[in-house]
Amino acid sequence: MKTLQDIEDQIIRLTTSIEVNYPELYATLDENPITIPSKAHPDMNITIMEDYLESLKQILKQYVKTHNKK
């Protein structure tokens, strides 16, 4: 079973990869509604963080699909 720390580590690795390999996409992550919490101090639990990680993966997958990098 994954721990919250494991998931956070995956998020950090993925966002770092996006920043290095797809800086144009990285710049838009702050603007994505999925990445903006709806509460001032949201609870960060495993389910929420897994959902966030999955959303990042889907954003990257869609970006790569529509912006074929040469």
C-alpha atoms as a PDB file:
ATOM      1  CA  MET A   1       0.000   0.000   0.000  1.00  0.00           C
ATOM      2  CA  LYS A   2       1.286   3.421  -0.925  1.00  0.00           C
ATOM      3  CA  THR A   3       1.916   5.983   1.756  1.00  0.00           C
ATOM      4  CA  LEU A   4       1.216   9.680   1.455  1.00  0.00           C
ATOM      5  CA  GLN A   5       4.983  10.225   1.226  1.00  0.00           C
ATOM      6  CA  ASP A   6       5.254   7.776  -1.704  1.00  0.00           C
ATOM      7  CA  ILE A   7       2.546   9.631  -3.592  1.00  0.00           C
ATOM      8  CA  GLU A   8       4.087  13.021  -2.853  1.00  0.00           C
ATOM      9  CA  ASP A   9       7.428  11.719  -4.140  1.00  0.00           C
ATOM     10  CA  GLN A  10       5.769  10.574  -7.371  1.00  0.00           C
ATOM     11  CA  ILE A  11       4.111  13.984  -7.762  1.00  0.00           C
ATOM     12  CA  ILE A  12       7.447  15.734  -7.284  1.00  0.00           C
ATOM     13  CA  ARG A  13       9.177  13.468  -9.823  1.00  0.00           C
ATOM     14  CA  LEU A  14       6.378  13.927 -12.354  1.00  0.00           C
ATOM     15  CA  THR A  15       6.154  17.710 -11.999  1.00  0.00           C
ATOM     16  CA  THR A  16       9.949  17.964 -12.229  1.00  0.00           C
ATOM     17  CA  SER A  17       9.885  15.884 -15.400  1.00  0.00           C
ATOM     18  CA  ILE A  18       7.147  18.086 -16.837  1.00  0.00           C
ATOM     19  CA  GLU A  19       9.113  21.216 -15.905  1.00  0.00           C
ATOM     20  CA  VAL A  20      12.277  19.932 -17.617  1.00  0.00           C
ATOM     21  CA  ASN A  21      10.760  18.223 -20.669  1.00  0.00           C
ATOM     22  CA  TYR A  22       7.595  20.253 -21.253  1.00  0.00           C
ATOM     23  CA  PRO A  23       8.167  23.748 -19.815  1.00  0.00           C
ATOM     24  CA  GLU A  24       5.291  25.141 -21.870  1.00  0.00           C
ATOM     25  CA  LEU A  25       2.943  22.676 -20.160  1.00  0.00           C
ATOM     26  CA  TYR A  26       4.479  23.260 -16.740  1.00  0.00           C
ATOM     27  CA  ALA A  27       3.689  26.968 -17.021  1.00  0.00           C
ATOM     28  CA  THR A  28      -0.010  26.140 -17.388  1.00  0.00           C
ATOM     29  CA  LEU A  29      -0.281  23.792 -14.400  1.00  0.00           C
ATOM     30  CA  ASP A  30      -0.970  26.691 -12.014  1.00  0.00           C
ATOM     31  CA  GLU A  31      -3.882  27.701 -14.232  1.00  0.00           C
ATOM     32  CA  ASN A  32      -5.478  24.260 -14.338  1.00  0.00           C
ATOM     33  CA  PRO A  33      -8.634  24.040 -12.177  1.00  0.00           C
ATOM     34  CA  ILE A  34      -7.747  20.473 -11.192  1.00  0.00           C
ATOM     35  CA  THR A  35      -4.605  21.728  -9.459  1.00  0.00           C
ATOM     36  CA  ILE A  36      -6.299  24.548  -7.534  1.00  0.00           C
ATOM     37  CA  PRO A  37      -7.859  23.510  -4.205  1.00  0.00           C
ATOM     38  CA  SER A  38     -11.356  24.790  -3.544  1.00  0.00           C
ATOM     39  CA  LYS A  39     -10.658  25.364   0.168  1.00  0.00           C
ATOM     40  CA  ALA A  40      -8.154  27.681   1.819  1.00  0.00           C
ATOM     41  CA  HIS A  41      -6.663  24.791   3.844  1.00  0.00           C
ATOM     42  CA  PRO A  42      -7.618  21.554   2.126  1.00  0.00           C
ATOM     43  CA  ASP A  43      -7.076  18.213   3.834  1.00  0.00           C
ATOM     44  CA  MET A  44      -4.378  16.285   2.038  1.00  0.00           C
ATOM     45  CA  ASN A  45      -5.026  12.583   2.335  1.00  0.00           C
ATOM     46  CA  ILE A  46      -3.942   9.639   0.223  1.00  0.00           C
ATOM     47  CA  THR A  47      -7.090   9.621  -1.904  1.00  0.00           C
ATOM     48  CA  ILE A  48      -6.873  13.318  -2.720  1.00  0.00           C
ATOM     49  CA  MET A  49      -3.186  13.102  -3.539  1.00  0.00           C
ATOM     50  CA  GLU A  50      -3.679   9.985  -5.689  1.00  0.00           C
ATOM     51  CA  ASP A  51      -6.413  11.823  -7.585  1.00  0.00           C
ATOM     52  CA  TYR A  52      -4.075  14.774  -8.058  1.00  0.00           C
ATOM     53  CA  LEU A  53      -1.264  12.516  -9.277  1.00  0.00           C
ATOM     54  CA  GLU A  54      -3.633  10.822 -11.705  1.00  0.00           C
ATOM     55  CA  SER A  55      -4.833  14.204 -12.995  1.00  0.00           C
ATOM     56  CA  LEU A  56      -1.216  15.239 -13.657  1.00  0.00           C
ATOM     57  CA  LYS A  57      -0.617  11.991 -15.542  1.00  0.00           C
ATOM     58  CA  GLN A  58      -3.728  12.556 -17.643  1.00  0.00           C
ATOM     59  CA  ILE A  59      -2.772  16.162 -18.388  1.00  0.00           C
ATOM     60  CA  LEU A  60       0.676  15.031 -19.533  1.00  0.00           C
ATOM     61  CA  LYS A  61      -0.724  12.135 -21.561  1.00  0.00           C
ATOM     62  CA  GLN A  62      -3.172  14.411 -23.367  1.00  0.00           C
ATOM     63  CA  TYR A  63      -0.490  17.038 -23.964  1.00  0.00           C
ATOM     64  CA  VAL A  64       1.929  14.509 -25.462  1.00  0.00           C
ATOM     65  CA  LYS A  65      -0.862  13.090 -27.605  1.00  0.00           C
ATOM     66  CA  THR A  66      -1.802  16.510 -29.021  1.00  0.00           C
ATOM     67  CA  HIS A  67       1.698  18.042 -29.180  1.00  0.00           C
ATOM     68  CA  ASN A  68       3.852  15.324 -30.678  1.00  0.00           C
ATOM     69  CA  LYS A  69       7.371  16.266 -29.583  1.00  0.00           C
ATOM     70  CA  LYS A  70       9.978  15.860 -32.321  1.00  0.00           C
END
